[in-house]
Amino acid sequence: MSESVGDGGVQVVAAEAVPQSEGSWIGRGVALFTPVFAVASGWLAGLVAQVVPGAHLDESQVTAFMVAAMTAALGSGWKWLQGWQQHERLVAEGKAQPVKAVPVLRTATTSPEAGSESLP
């Protein structure tokens, strides 16, 4: 913190910027549920392929349709997670605002010269 005396003898205190981190659990939820949604989309694609009237698909075509649906679901989750990681990087660099801000805790580190603990 830096202090200065303004007009009229009033003390002005300028606070240092507190580094922030992303505290939202959205990325964890997407990472956890993407495989579940991929399996569910494959199952739903197989069900639709068998139930839709006029769609005469043999077993290998149904399997290919299920694999395509699962790949689309996994690709969507992967792309979302890539964007989320980029967002977290930008938040860490201070270039973007976090969805849910969490202040970064400063930890004590050991100074190589003195061998004692000091704050960075």
PDB file of N, CA and C in Angstrom:
ATOM      1  N   MET A   1       0.831  -1.171   0.000  1.00  0.00           N
ATOM      2  CA  MET A   1       0.000   0.000   0.000  1.00  0.00           C
ATOM      3  C   MET A   1       0.872   1.229   0.000  1.00  0.00           C
ATOM      4  N   SER A   2       0.457   2.231  -0.732  1.00  0.00           N
ATOM      5  CA  SER A   2       1.197   3.480  -0.735  1.00  0.00           C
ATOM      6  C   SER A   2       0.316   4.555  -0.136  1.00  0.00           C
ATOM      7  N   GLU A   3       0.938   5.471   0.581  1.00  0.00           N
ATOM      8  CA  GLU A   3       0.206   6.543   1.237  1.00  0.00           C
ATOM      9  C   GLU A   3       0.732   7.872   0.731  1.00  0.00           C
ATOM     10  N   SER A   4      -0.145   8.838   0.628  1.00  0.00           N
ATOM     11  CA  SER A   4       0.265  10.191   0.280  1.00  0.00           C
ATOM     12  C   SER A   4      -0.688  11.160   0.952  1.00  0.00           C
ATOM     13  N   VAL A   5      -0.215  12.381   1.108  1.00  0.00           N
ATOM     14  CA  VAL A   5      -1.031  13.409   1.750  1.00  0.00           C
ATOM     15  C   VAL A   5      -1.594  14.289   0.651  1.00  0.00           C
ATOM     16  N   GLY A   6      -2.911  14.392   0.592  1.00  0.00           N
ATOM     17  CA  GLY A   6      -3.581  15.182  -0.436  1.00  0.00           C
ATOM     18  C   GLY A   6      -3.799  16.607   0.034  1.00  0.00           C
ATOM     19  N   ASP A   7      -4.623  17.353  -0.670  1.00  0.00           N
ATOM     20  CA  ASP A   7      -4.937  18.734  -0.307  1.00  0.00           C
ATOM     21  C   ASP A   7      -5.664  18.773   1.021  1.00  0.00           C
ATOM     22  N   GLY A   8      -5.318  19.749   1.844  1.00  0.00           N
ATOM     23  CA  GLY A   8      -5.980  19.921   3.121  1.00  0.00           C
ATOM     24  C   GLY A   8      -5.490  18.944   4.175  1.00  0.00           C
ATOM     25  N   GLY A   9      -4.372  18.278   3.952  1.00  0.00           N
ATOM     26  CA  GLY A   9      -3.815  17.380   4.949  1.00  0.00           C
ATOM     27  C   GLY A   9      -4.549  16.055   5.067  1.00  0.00           C
ATOM     28  N   VAL A  10      -5.412  15.724   4.108  1.00  0.00           N
ATOM     29  CA  VAL A  10      -6.148  14.474   4.140  1.00  0.00           C
ATOM     30  C   VAL A  10      -5.244  13.372   3.596  1.00  0.00           C
ATOM     31  N   GLN A  11      -5.181  12.290   4.330  1.00  0.00           N
ATOM     32  CA  GLN A  11      -4.332  11.188   3.922  1.00  0.00           C
ATOM     33  C   GLN A  11      -5.069  10.316   2.912  1.00  0.00           C
ATOM     34  N   VAL A  12      -4.438  10.085   1.760  1.00  0.00           N
ATOM     35  CA  VAL A  12      -5.007   9.269   0.707  1.00  0.00           C
ATOM     36  C   VAL A  12      -4.241   7.955   0.667  1.00  0.00           C
ATOM     37  N   VAL A  13      -4.972   6.854   0.733  1.00  0.00           N
ATOM     38  CA  VAL A  13      -4.343   5.545   0.720  1.00  0.00           C
ATOM     39  C   VAL A  13      -4.730   4.845  -0.582  1.00  0.00           C
ATOM     40  N   ALA A  14      -3.727   4.456  -1.361  1.00  0.00           N
ATOM     41  CA  ALA A  14      -3.973   3.723  -2.605  1.00  0.00           C
ATOM     42  C   ALA A  14      -3.738   2.240  -2.345  1.00  0.00           C
ATOM     43  N   ALA A  15      -4.753   1.460  -2.533  1.00  0.00           N
ATOM     44  CA  ALA A  15      -4.642   0.026  -2.284  1.00  0.00           C
ATOM     45  C   ALA A  15      -3.999  -0.659  -3.482  1.00  0.00           C
ATOM     46  N   GLU A  16      -3.174  -1.658  -3.198  1.00  0.00           N
ATOM     47  CA  GLU A  16      -2.586  -2.456  -4.256  1.00  0.00           C
ATOM     48  C   GLU A  16      -3.649  -3.406  -4.802  1.00  0.00           C
ATOM     49  N   ALA A  17      -3.528  -3.733  -6.045  1.00  0.00           N
ATOM     50  CA  ALA A  17      -4.483  -4.660  -6.657  1.00  0.00           C
ATOM     51  C   ALA A  17      -4.290  -6.053  -6.072  1.00  0.00           C
ATOM     52  N   VAL A  18      -5.392  -6.624  -5.612  1.00  0.00           N
ATOM     53  CA  VAL A  18      -5.347  -7.976  -5.052  1.00  0.00           C
ATOM     54  C   VAL A  18      -5.540  -8.956  -6.195  1.00  0.00           C
ATOM     55  N   PRO A  19      -4.589  -9.860  -6.406  1.00  0.00           N
ATOM     56  CA  PRO A  19      -4.781 -10.827  -7.483  1.00  0.00           C
ATOM     57  C   PRO A  19      -5.999 -11.713  -7.209  1.00  0.00           C
ATOM     58  N   GLN A  20      -6.735 -12.026  -8.273  1.00  0.00           N
ATOM     59  CA  GLN A  20      -7.936 -12.843  -8.124  1.00  0.00           C
ATOM     60  C   GLN A  20      -7.795 -14.119  -8.918  1.00  0.00           C
ATOM     61  N   SER A  21      -8.570 -15.084  -8.533  1.00  0.00           N
ATOM     62  CA  SER A  21      -8.596 -16.375  -9.210  1.00  0.00           C
ATOM     63  C   SER A  21     -10.047 -16.718  -9.504  1.00  0.00           C
ATOM     64  N   GLU A  22     -10.238 -17.668 -10.392  1.00  0.00           N
ATOM     65  CA  GLU A  22     -11.583 -18.120 -10.736  1.00  0.00           C
ATOM     66  C   GLU A  22     -12.049 -19.114  -9.690  1.00  0.00           C
ATOM     67  N   GLY A  23     -13.184 -18.851  -9.072  1.00  0.00           N
ATOM     68  CA  GLY A  23     -13.707 -19.726  -8.038  1.00  0.00           C
ATOM     69  C   GLY A  23     -14.930 -20.500  -8.468  1.00  0.00           C
ATOM     70  N   SER A  24     -15.314 -20.366  -9.720  1.00  0.00           N
ATOM     71  CA  SER A  24     -16.506 -21.041 -10.204  1.00  0.00           C
ATOM     72  C   SER A  24     -16.237 -22.527 -10.429  1.00  0.00           C
ATOM     73  N   TRP A  25     -17.255 -23.341 -10.170  1.00  0.00           N
ATOM     74  CA  TRP A  25     -17.144 -24.791 -10.325  1.00  0.00           C
ATOM     75  C   TRP A  25     -17.688 -25.262 -11.663  1.00  0.00           C
ATOM     76  N   ILE A  26     -17.963 -24.347 -12.577  1.00  0.00           N
ATOM     77  CA  ILE A  26     -18.554 -24.721 -13.870  1.00  0.00           C
ATOM     78  C   ILE A  26     -17.642 -25.673 -14.630  1.00  0.00           C
ATOM     79  N   GLY A  27     -16.359 -25.370 -14.689  1.00  0.00           N
ATOM     80  CA  GLY A  27     -15.420 -26.224 -15.420  1.00  0.00           C
ATOM     81  C   GLY A  27     -15.351 -27.630 -14.860  1.00  0.00           C
ATOM     82  N   ARG A  28     -15.399 -27.733 -13.540  1.00  0.00           N
ATOM     83  CA  ARG A  28     -15.370 -29.060 -12.913  1.00  0.00           C
ATOM     84  C   ARG A  28     -16.633 -29.846 -13.252  1.00  0.00           C
ATOM     85  N   GLY A  29     -17.763 -29.163 -13.273  1.00  0.00           N
ATOM     86  CA  GLY A  29     -19.022 -29.817 -13.616  1.00  0.00           C
ATOM     87  C   GLY A  29     -19.034 -30.311 -15.047  1.00  0.00           C
ATOM     88  N   VAL A  30     -18.538 -29.482 -15.957  1.00  0.00           N
ATOM     89  CA  VAL A  30     -18.480 -29.892 -17.361  1.00  0.00           C
ATOM     90  C   VAL A  30     -17.533 -31.077 -17.526  1.00  0.00           C
ATOM     91  N   ALA A  31     -16.380 -31.017 -16.865  1.00  0.00           N
ATOM     92  CA  ALA A  31     -15.416 -32.123 -16.969  1.00  0.00           C
ATOM     93  C   ALA A  31     -15.997 -33.421 -16.400  1.00  0.00           C
ATOM     94  N   LEU A  32     -16.768 -33.307 -15.330  1.00  0.00           N
ATOM     95  CA  LEU A  32     -17.343 -34.486 -14.703  1.00  0.00           C
ATOM     96  C   LEU A  32     -18.494 -35.078 -15.515  1.00  0.00           C
ATOM     97  N   PHE A  33     -19.344 -34.226 -16.075  1.00  0.00           N
ATOM     98  CA  PHE A  33     -20.557 -34.713 -16.729  1.00  0.00           C
ATOM     99  C   PHE A  33     -20.437 -34.905 -18.233  1.00  0.00           C
ATOM    100  N   THR A  34     -19.346 -34.464 -18.861  1.00  0.00           N
ATOM    101  CA  THR A  34     -19.194 -34.668 -20.307  1.00  0.00           C
ATOM    102  C   THR A  34     -19.238 -36.145 -20.686  1.00  0.00           C
ATOM    103  N   PRO A  35     -18.523 -37.034 -19.997  1.00  0.00           N
ATOM    104  CA  PRO A  35     -18.640 -38.453 -20.359  1.00  0.00           C
ATOM    105  C   PRO A  35     -20.053 -39.005 -20.164  1.00  0.00           C
ATOM    106  N   VAL A  36     -20.743 -38.533 -19.144  1.00  0.00           N
ATOM    107  CA  VAL A  36     -22.120 -38.984 -18.900  1.00  0.00           C
ATOM    108  C   VAL A  36     -23.019 -38.558 -20.054  1.00  0.00           C
ATOM    109  N   PHE A  37     -22.874 -37.296 -20.483  1.00  0.00           N
ATOM    110  CA  PHE A  37     -23.685 -36.809 -21.599  1.00  0.00           C
ATOM    111  C   PHE A  37     -23.305 -37.482 -22.913  1.00  0.00           C
ATOM    112  N   ALA A  38     -22.042 -37.840 -23.067  1.00  0.00           N
ATOM    113  CA  ALA A  38     -21.620 -38.539 -24.285  1.00  0.00           C
ATOM    114  C   ALA A  38     -22.281 -39.911 -24.379  1.00  0.00           C
ATOM    115  N   VAL A  39     -22.282 -40.640 -23.283  1.00  0.00           N
ATOM    116  CA  VAL A  39     -22.932 -41.958 -23.269  1.00  0.00           C
ATOM    117  C   VAL A  39     -24.440 -41.800 -23.483  1.00  0.00           C
ATOM    118  N   ALA A  40     -25.032 -40.804 -22.833  1.00  0.00           N
ATOM    119  CA  ALA A  40     -26.469 -40.579 -22.990  1.00  0.00           C
ATOM    120  C   ALA A  40     -26.811 -40.193 -24.433  1.00  0.00           C
ATOM    121  N   SER A  41     -25.969 -39.398 -25.083  1.00  0.00           N
ATOM    122  CA  SER A  41     -26.249 -39.026 -26.472  1.00  0.00           C
ATOM    123  C   SER A  41     -26.116 -40.229 -27.398  1.00  0.00           C
ATOM    124  N   GLY A  42     -25.154 -41.109 -27.128  1.00  0.00           N
ATOM    125  CA  GLY A  42     -25.032 -42.331 -27.924  1.00  0.00           C
ATOM    126  C   GLY A  42     -26.238 -43.228 -27.759  1.00  0.00           C
ATOM    127  N   TRP A  43     -26.707 -43.365 -26.530  1.00  0.00           N
ATOM    128  CA  TRP A  43     -27.889 -44.191 -26.262  1.00  0.00           C
ATOM    129  C   TRP A  43     -29.120 -43.597 -26.940  1.00  0.00           C
ATOM    130  N   LEU A  44     -29.271 -42.268 -26.823  1.00  0.00           N
ATOM    131  CA  LEU A  44     -30.415 -41.601 -27.434  1.00  0.00           C
ATOM    132  C   LEU A  44     -30.356 -41.712 -28.960  1.00  0.00           C
ATOM    133  N   ALA A  45     -29.167 -41.600 -29.537  1.00  0.00           N
ATOM    134  CA  ALA A  45     -29.034 -41.735 -30.988  1.00  0.00           C
ATOM    135  C   ALA A  45     -29.423 -43.147 -31.435  1.00  0.00           C
ATOM    136  N   GLY A  46     -29.019 -44.161 -30.674  1.00  0.00           N
ATOM    137  CA  GLY A  46     -29.415 -45.531 -31.000  1.00  0.00           C
ATOM    138  C   GLY A  46     -30.910 -45.727 -30.896  1.00  0.00           C
ATOM    139  N   LEU A  47     -31.510 -45.134 -29.879  1.00  0.00           N
ATOM    140  CA  LEU A  47     -32.953 -45.229 -29.703  1.00  0.00           C
ATOM    141  C   LEU A  47     -33.688 -44.553 -30.851  1.00  0.00           C
ATOM    142  N   VAL A  48     -33.246 -43.370 -31.233  1.00  0.00           N
ATOM    143  CA  VAL A  48     -33.881 -42.634 -32.327  1.00  0.00           C
ATOM    144  C   VAL A  48     -33.728 -43.400 -33.638  1.00  0.00           C
ATOM    145  N   ALA A  49     -32.544 -43.967 -33.867  1.00  0.00           N
ATOM    146  CA  ALA A  49     -32.317 -44.707 -35.115  1.00  0.00           C
ATOM    147  C   ALA A  49     -33.229 -45.918 -35.230  1.00  0.00           C
ATOM    148  N   GLN A  50     -33.601 -46.516 -34.109  1.00  0.00           N
ATOM    149  CA  GLN A  50     -34.468 -47.695 -34.149  1.00  0.00           C
ATOM    150  C   GLN A  50     -35.946 -47.330 -34.165  1.00  0.00           C
ATOM    151  N   VAL A  51     -36.320 -46.205 -33.592  1.00  0.00           N
ATOM    152  CA  VAL A  51     -37.725 -45.850 -33.439  1.00  0.00           C
ATOM    153  C   VAL A  51     -38.268 -45.047 -34.616  1.00  0.00           C
ATOM    154  N   VAL A  52     -37.432 -44.254 -35.272  1.00  0.00           N
ATOM    155  CA  VAL A  52     -37.902 -43.383 -36.352  1.00  0.00           C
ATOM    156  C   VAL A  52     -38.461 -44.237 -37.490  1.00  0.00           C
ATOM    157  N   PRO A  53     -39.722 -43.964 -37.879  1.00  0.00           N
ATOM    158  CA  PRO A  53     -40.309 -44.745 -38.979  1.00  0.00           C
ATOM    159  C   PRO A  53     -39.619 -44.404 -40.304  1.00  0.00           C
ATOM    160  N   GLY A  54     -39.385 -45.418 -41.098  1.00  0.00           N
ATOM    161  CA  GLY A  54     -38.758 -45.229 -42.396  1.00  0.00           C
ATOM    162  C   GLY A  54     -37.243 -45.305 -42.366  1.00  0.00           C
ATOM    163  N   ALA A  55     -36.651 -45.305 -41.183  1.00  0.00           N
ATOM    164  CA  ALA A  55     -35.198 -45.426 -41.069  1.00  0.00           C
ATOM    165  C   ALA A  55     -34.868 -46.897 -40.907  1.00  0.00           C
ATOM    166  N   HIS A  56     -34.440 -47.502 -41.975  1.00  0.00           N
ATOM    167  CA  HIS A  56     -34.100 -48.918 -41.948  1.00  0.00           C
ATOM    168  C   HIS A  56     -32.584 -49.042 -41.878  1.00  0.00           C
ATOM    169  N   LEU A  57     -32.069 -49.056 -40.670  1.00  0.00           N
ATOM    170  CA  LEU A  57     -30.623 -49.110 -40.455  1.00  0.00           C
ATOM    171  C   LEU A  57     -30.246 -50.473 -39.898  1.00  0.00           C
ATOM    172  N   ASP A  58     -29.182 -51.020 -40.428  1.00  0.00           N
ATOM    173  CA  ASP A  58     -28.713 -52.282 -39.853  1.00  0.00           C
ATOM    174  C   ASP A  58     -27.872 -51.978 -38.606  1.00  0.00           C
ATOM    175  N   GLU A  59     -27.403 -53.019 -37.973  1.00  0.00           N
ATOM    176  CA  GLU A  59     -26.708 -52.869 -36.686  1.00  0.00           C
ATOM    177  C   GLU A  59     -25.440 -52.011 -36.798  1.00  0.00           C
ATOM    178  N   SER A  60     -24.684 -52.167 -37.859  1.00  0.00           N
ATOM    179  CA  SER A  60     -23.447 -51.395 -38.012  1.00  0.00           C
ATOM    180  C   SER A  60     -23.744 -49.920 -38.269  1.00  0.00           C
ATOM    181  N   GLN A  61     -24.819 -49.607 -38.965  1.00  0.00           N
ATOM    182  CA  GLN A  61     -25.192 -48.218 -39.200  1.00  0.00           C
ATOM    183  C   GLN A  61     -25.689 -47.550 -37.913  1.00  0.00           C
ATOM    184  N   VAL A  62     -26.440 -48.296 -37.111  1.00  0.00           N
ATOM    185  CA  VAL A  62     -26.879 -47.771 -35.813  1.00  0.00           C
ATOM    186  C   VAL A  62     -25.665 -47.491 -34.928  1.00  0.00           C
ATOM    187  N   THR A  63     -24.709 -48.403 -34.937  1.00  0.00           N
ATOM    188  CA  THR A  63     -23.492 -48.218 -34.144  1.00  0.00           C
ATOM    189  C   THR A  63     -22.716 -46.998 -34.628  1.00  0.00           C
ATOM    190  N   ALA A  64     -22.606 -46.824 -35.927  1.00  0.00           N
ATOM    191  CA  ALA A  64     -21.916 -45.655 -36.473  1.00  0.00           C
ATOM    192  C   ALA A  64     -22.631 -44.362 -36.079  1.00  0.00           C
ATOM    193  N   PHE A  65     -23.963 -44.379 -36.090  1.00  0.00           N
ATOM    194  CA  PHE A  65     -24.753 -43.211 -35.687  1.00  0.00           C
ATOM    195  C   PHE A  65     -24.521 -42.904 -34.208  1.00  0.00           C
ATOM    196  N   MET A  66     -24.467 -43.933 -33.391  1.00  0.00           N
ATOM    197  CA  MET A  66     -24.218 -43.745 -31.954  1.00  0.00           C
ATOM    198  C   MET A  66     -22.818 -43.180 -31.717  1.00  0.00           C
ATOM    199  N   VAL A  67     -21.826 -43.700 -32.419  1.00  0.00           N
ATOM    200  CA  VAL A  67     -20.455 -43.213 -32.272  1.00  0.00           C
ATOM    201  C   VAL A  67     -20.356 -41.750 -32.719  1.00  0.00           C
ATOM    202  N   ALA A  68     -21.042 -41.396 -33.793  1.00  0.00           N
ATOM    203  CA  ALA A  68     -21.039 -40.009 -34.265  1.00  0.00           C
ATOM    204  C   ALA A  68     -21.646 -39.077 -33.225  1.00  0.00           C
ATOM    205  N   ALA A  69     -22.749 -39.491 -32.605  1.00  0.00           N
ATOM    206  CA  ALA A  69     -23.385 -38.661 -31.576  1.00  0.00           C
ATOM    207  C   ALA A  69     -22.483 -38.524 -30.357  1.00  0.00           C
ATOM    208  N   MET A  70     -21.838 -39.601 -29.958  1.00  0.00           N
ATOM    209  CA  MET A  70     -20.937 -39.551 -28.804  1.00  0.00           C
ATOM    210  C   MET A  70     -19.723 -38.663 -29.104  1.00  0.00           C
ATOM    211  N   THR A  71     -19.201 -38.757 -30.314  1.00  0.00           N
ATOM    212  CA  THR A  71     -18.056 -37.931 -30.701  1.00  0.00           C
ATOM    213  C   THR A  71     -18.439 -36.456 -30.701  1.00  0.00           C
ATOM    214  N   ALA A  72     -19.626 -36.141 -31.170  1.00  0.00           N
ATOM    215  CA  ALA A  72     -20.083 -34.753 -31.165  1.00  0.00           C
ATOM    216  C   ALA A  72     -20.209 -34.227 -29.730  1.00  0.00           C
ATOM    217  N   ALA A  73     -20.734 -35.046 -28.826  1.00  0.00           N
ATOM    218  CA  ALA A  73     -20.872 -34.618 -27.430  1.00  0.00           C
ATOM    219  C   ALA A  73     -19.510 -34.437 -26.770  1.00  0.00           C
ATOM    220  N   LEU A  74     -18.590 -35.367 -27.004  1.00  0.00           N
ATOM    221  CA  LEU A  74     -17.245 -35.243 -26.432  1.00  0.00           C
ATOM    222  C   LEU A  74     -16.499 -34.049 -27.013  1.00  0.00           C
ATOM    223  N   GLY A  75     -16.643 -33.828 -28.316  1.00  0.00           N
ATOM    224  CA  GLY A  75     -15.991 -32.678 -28.956  1.00  0.00           C
ATOM    225  C   GLY A  75     -16.506 -31.359 -28.423  1.00  0.00           C
ATOM    226  N   SER A  76     -17.814 -31.290 -28.186  1.00  0.00           N
ATOM    227  CA  SER A  76     -18.395 -30.059 -27.637  1.00  0.00           C
ATOM    228  C   SER A  76     -17.885 -29.795 -26.224  1.00  0.00           C
ATOM    229  N   GLY A  77     -17.843 -30.825 -25.404  1.00  0.00           N
ATOM    230  CA  GLY A  77     -17.317 -30.658 -24.043  1.00  0.00           C
ATOM    231  C   GLY A  77     -15.856 -30.282 -24.036  1.00  0.00           C
ATOM    232  N   TRP A  78     -15.075 -30.888 -24.903  1.00  0.00           N
ATOM    233  CA  TRP A  78     -13.640 -30.589 -24.987  1.00  0.00           C
ATOM    234  C   TRP A  78     -13.425 -29.146 -25.414  1.00  0.00           C
ATOM    235  N   LYS A  79     -14.167 -28.694 -26.424  1.00  0.00           N
ATOM    236  CA  LYS A  79     -14.032 -27.316 -26.899  1.00  0.00           C
ATOM    237  C   LYS A  79     -14.427 -26.333 -25.811  1.00  0.00           C
ATOM    238  N   TRP A  80     -15.479 -26.623 -25.062  1.00  0.00           N
ATOM    239  CA  TRP A  80     -15.898 -25.746 -23.982  1.00  0.00           C
ATOM    240  C   TRP A  80     -14.812 -25.670 -22.919  1.00  0.00           C
ATOM    241  N   LEU A  81     -14.230 -26.815 -22.571  1.00  0.00           N
ATOM    242  CA  LEU A  81     -13.178 -26.826 -21.558  1.00  0.00           C
ATOM    243  C   LEU A  81     -11.928 -26.077 -22.025  1.00  0.00           C
ATOM    244  N   GLN A  82     -11.609 -26.117 -23.307  1.00  0.00           N
ATOM    245  CA  GLN A  82     -10.488 -25.336 -23.825  1.00  0.00           C
ATOM    246  C   GLN A  82     -10.751 -23.844 -23.638  1.00  0.00           C
ATOM    247  N   GLY A  83     -11.949 -23.406 -23.952  1.00  0.00           N
ATOM    248  CA  GLY A  83     -12.306 -21.996 -23.756  1.00  0.00           C
ATOM    249  C   GLY A  83     -12.286 -21.605 -22.290  1.00  0.00           C
ATOM    250  N   TRP A  84     -12.729 -22.522 -21.424  1.00  0.00           N
ATOM    251  CA  TRP A  84     -12.732 -22.242 -19.989  1.00  0.00           C
ATOM    252  C   TRP A  84     -11.304 -22.112 -19.459  1.00  0.00           C
ATOM    253  N   GLN A  85     -10.390 -22.963 -19.943  1.00  0.00           N
ATOM    254  CA  GLN A  85      -8.994 -22.859 -19.524  1.00  0.00           C
ATOM    255  C   GLN A  85      -8.390 -21.541 -19.999  1.00  0.00           C
ATOM    256  N   GLN A  86      -8.750 -21.106 -21.189  1.00  0.00           N
ATOM    257  CA  GLN A  86      -8.259 -19.820 -21.673  1.00  0.00           C
ATOM    258  C   GLN A  86      -8.810 -18.692 -20.800  1.00  0.00           C
ATOM    259  N   HIS A  87     -10.074 -18.784 -20.411  1.00  0.00           N
ATOM    260  CA  HIS A  87     -10.661 -17.780 -19.520  1.00  0.00           C
ATOM    261  C   HIS A  87      -9.921 -17.750 -18.182  1.00  0.00           C
ATOM    262  N   GLU A  88      -9.626 -18.919 -17.617  1.00  0.00           N
ATOM    263  CA  GLU A  88      -8.903 -18.963 -16.345  1.00  0.00           C
ATOM    264  C   GLU A  88      -7.505 -18.369 -16.480  1.00  0.00           C
ATOM    265  N   ARG A  89      -6.843 -18.603 -17.613  1.00  0.00           N
ATOM    266  CA  ARG A  89      -5.525 -18.015 -17.842  1.00  0.00           C
ATOM    267  C   ARG A  89      -5.624 -16.497 -17.909  1.00  0.00           C
ATOM    268  N   LEU A  90      -6.633 -15.979 -18.610  1.00  0.00           N
ATOM    269  CA  LEU A  90      -6.800 -14.538 -18.714  1.00  0.00           C
ATOM    270  C   LEU A  90      -7.138 -13.916 -17.363  1.00  0.00           C
ATOM    271  N   VAL A  91      -7.904 -14.614 -16.537  1.00  0.00           N
ATOM    272  CA  VAL A  91      -8.195 -14.125 -15.189  1.00  0.00           C
ATOM    273  C   VAL A  91      -6.915 -14.073 -14.371  1.00  0.00           C
ATOM    274  N   ALA A  92      -6.083 -15.115 -14.468  1.00  0.00           N
ATOM    275  CA  ALA A  92      -4.823 -15.154 -13.718  1.00  0.00           C
ATOM    276  C   ALA A  92      -3.880 -14.039 -14.156  1.00  0.00           C
ATOM    277  N   GLU A  93      -3.928 -13.677 -15.437  1.00  0.00           N
ATOM    278  CA  GLU A  93      -3.084 -12.596 -15.945  1.00  0.00           C
ATOM    279  C   GLU A  93      -3.704 -11.227 -15.689  1.00  0.00           C
ATOM    280  N   GLY A  94      -4.929 -11.174 -15.190  1.00  0.00           N
ATOM    281  CA  GLY A  94      -5.596  -9.914 -14.904  1.00  0.00           C
ATOM    282  C   GLY A  94      -6.227  -9.267 -16.121  1.00  0.00           C
ATOM    283  N   LYS A  95      -6.416 -10.020 -17.204  1.00  0.00           N
ATOM    284  CA  LYS A  95      -6.976  -9.476 -18.440  1.00  0.00           C
ATOM    285  C   LYS A  95      -8.474  -9.707 -18.564  1.00  0.00           C
ATOM    286  N   ALA A  96      -9.066 -10.489 -17.659  1.00  0.00           N
ATOM    287  CA  ALA A  96     -10.502 -10.775 -17.697  1.00  0.00           C
ATOM    288  C   ALA A  96     -11.028 -10.839 -16.267  1.00  0.00           C
ATOM    289  N   GLN A  97     -12.309 -10.592 -16.122  1.00  0.00           N
ATOM    290  CA  GLN A  97     -12.951 -10.662 -14.816  1.00  0.00           C
ATOM    291  C   GLN A  97     -13.424 -12.082 -14.557  1.00  0.00           C
ATOM    292  N   PRO A  98     -13.240 -12.594 -13.343  1.00  0.00           N
ATOM    293  CA  PRO A  98     -13.717 -13.946 -13.037  1.00  0.00           C
ATOM    294  C   PRO A  98     -15.234 -13.996 -12.923  1.00  0.00           C
ATOM    295  N   VAL A  99     -15.791 -15.163 -13.202  1.00  0.00           N
ATOM    296  CA  VAL A  99     -17.224 -15.371 -13.031  1.00  0.00           C
ATOM    297  C   VAL A  99     -17.559 -15.308 -11.543  1.00  0.00           C
ATOM    298  N   LYS A 100     -16.739 -15.958 -10.727  1.00  0.00           N
ATOM    299  CA  LYS A 100     -16.882 -15.938  -9.280  1.00  0.00           C
ATOM    300  C   LYS A 100     -15.486 -15.660  -8.706  1.00  0.00           C
ATOM    301  N   ALA A 101     -15.281 -14.456  -8.236  1.00  0.00           N
ATOM    302  CA  ALA A 101     -13.951 -14.038  -7.795  1.00  0.00           C
ATOM    303  C   ALA A 101     -13.571 -14.656  -6.455  1.00  0.00           C
ATOM    304  N   VAL A 102     -12.341 -15.111  -6.379  1.00  0.00           N
ATOM    305  CA  VAL A 102     -11.761 -15.633  -5.151  1.00  0.00           C
ATOM    306  C   VAL A 102     -10.383 -14.995  -5.016  1.00  0.00           C
ATOM    307  N   PRO A 103     -10.107 -14.290  -3.912  1.00  0.00           N
ATOM    308  CA  PRO A 103      -8.776 -13.689  -3.782  1.00  0.00           C
ATOM    309  C   PRO A 103      -7.705 -14.760  -3.658  1.00  0.00           C
ATOM    310  N   VAL A 104      -6.557 -14.489  -4.252  1.00  0.00           N
ATOM    311  CA  VAL A 104      -5.433 -15.415  -4.193  1.00  0.00           C
ATOM    312  C   VAL A 104      -4.728 -15.223  -2.860  1.00  0.00           C
ATOM    313  N   LEU A 105      -4.523 -16.298  -2.143  1.00  0.00           N
ATOM    314  CA  LEU A 105      -3.834 -16.233  -0.863  1.00  0.00           C
ATOM    315  C   LEU A 105      -2.336 -16.244  -1.099  1.00  0.00           C
ATOM    316  N   ARG A 106      -1.651 -15.327  -0.467  1.00  0.00           N
ATOM    317  CA  ARG A 106      -0.202 -15.308  -0.578  1.00  0.00           C
ATOM    318  C   ARG A 106       0.368 -16.245   0.468  1.00  0.00           C
ATOM    319  N   THR A 107       1.329 -17.050   0.070  1.00  0.00           N
ATOM    320  CA  THR A 107       1.944 -17.988   0.991  1.00  0.00           C
ATOM    321  C   THR A 107       3.367 -17.563   1.273  1.00  0.00           C
ATOM    322  N   ALA A 108       3.871 -17.994   2.410  1.00  0.00           N
ATOM    323  CA  ALA A 108       5.242 -17.674   2.787  1.00  0.00           C
ATOM    324  C   ALA A 108       6.195 -18.537   1.971  1.00  0.00           C
ATOM    325  N   THR A 109       7.251 -17.905   1.494  1.00  0.00           N
ATOM    326  CA  THR A 109       8.273 -18.629   0.746  1.00  0.00           C
ATOM    327  C   THR A 109       9.606 -18.454   1.446  1.00  0.00           C
ATOM    328  N   THR A 110      10.510 -19.356   1.205  1.00  0.00           N
ATOM    329  CA  THR A 110      11.826 -19.288   1.823  1.00  0.00           C
ATOM    330  C   THR A 110      12.767 -18.503   0.933  1.00  0.00           C
ATOM    331  N   SER A 111      13.437 -17.520   1.506  1.00  0.00           N
ATOM    332  CA  SER A 111      14.381 -16.716   0.781  1.00  0.00           C
ATOM    333  C   SER A 111      15.678 -17.497   0.621  1.00  0.00           C
ATOM    334  N   PRO A 112      16.237 -17.602  -0.584  1.00  0.00           N
ATOM    335  CA  PRO A 112      17.460 -18.389  -0.750  1.00  0.00           C
ATOM    336  C   PRO A 112      18.678 -17.751  -0.065  1.00  0.00           C
ATOM    337  N   GLU A 113      18.723 -16.405   0.039  1.00  0.00           N
ATOM    338  CA  GLU A 113      19.872 -15.748   0.641  1.00  0.00           C
ATOM    339  C   GLU A 113      19.850 -15.883   2.168  1.00  0.00           C
ATOM    340  N   ALA A 114      18.721 -15.532   2.757  1.00  0.00           N
ATOM    341  CA  ALA A 114      18.659 -15.473   4.214  1.00  0.00           C
ATOM    342  C   ALA A 114      18.270 -16.796   4.841  1.00  0.00           C
ATOM    343  N   GLY A 115      17.591 -17.621   4.080  1.00  0.00           N
ATOM    344  CA  GLY A 115      17.125 -18.888   4.646  1.00  0.00           C
ATOM    345  C   GLY A 115      15.956 -18.719   5.583  1.00  0.00           C
ATOM    346  N   SER A 116      15.305 -17.558   5.528  1.00  0.00           N
ATOM    347  CA  SER A 116      14.163 -17.322   6.408  1.00  0.00           C
ATOM    348  C   SER A 116      12.915 -17.156   5.549  1.00  0.00           C
ATOM    349  N   GLU A 117      11.767 -17.212   6.206  1.00  0.00           N
ATOM    350  CA  GLU A 117      10.511 -17.072   5.469  1.00  0.00           C
ATOM    351  C   GLU A 117      10.207 -15.600   5.259  1.00  0.00           C
ATOM    352  N   SER A 118       9.729 -15.288   4.073  1.00  0.00           N
ATOM    353  CA  SER A 118       9.317 -13.936   3.762  1.00  0.00           C
ATOM    354  C   SER A 118       8.154 -13.999   2.800  1.00  0.00           C
ATOM    355  N   LEU A 119       7.348 -12.983   2.797  1.00  0.00           N
ATOM    356  CA  LEU A 119       6.212 -12.932   1.878  1.00  0.00           C
ATOM    357  C   LEU A 119       6.680 -12.368   0.547  1.00  0.00           C
ATOM    358  N   PRO A 120       6.155 -12.870  -0.557  1.00  0.00           N
ATOM    359  CA  PRO A 120       6.581 -12.364  -1.868  1.00  0.00           C
ATOM    360  C   PRO A 120       6.088 -10.960  -2.109  1.00  0.00           C
TER     361      PRO A 120
END
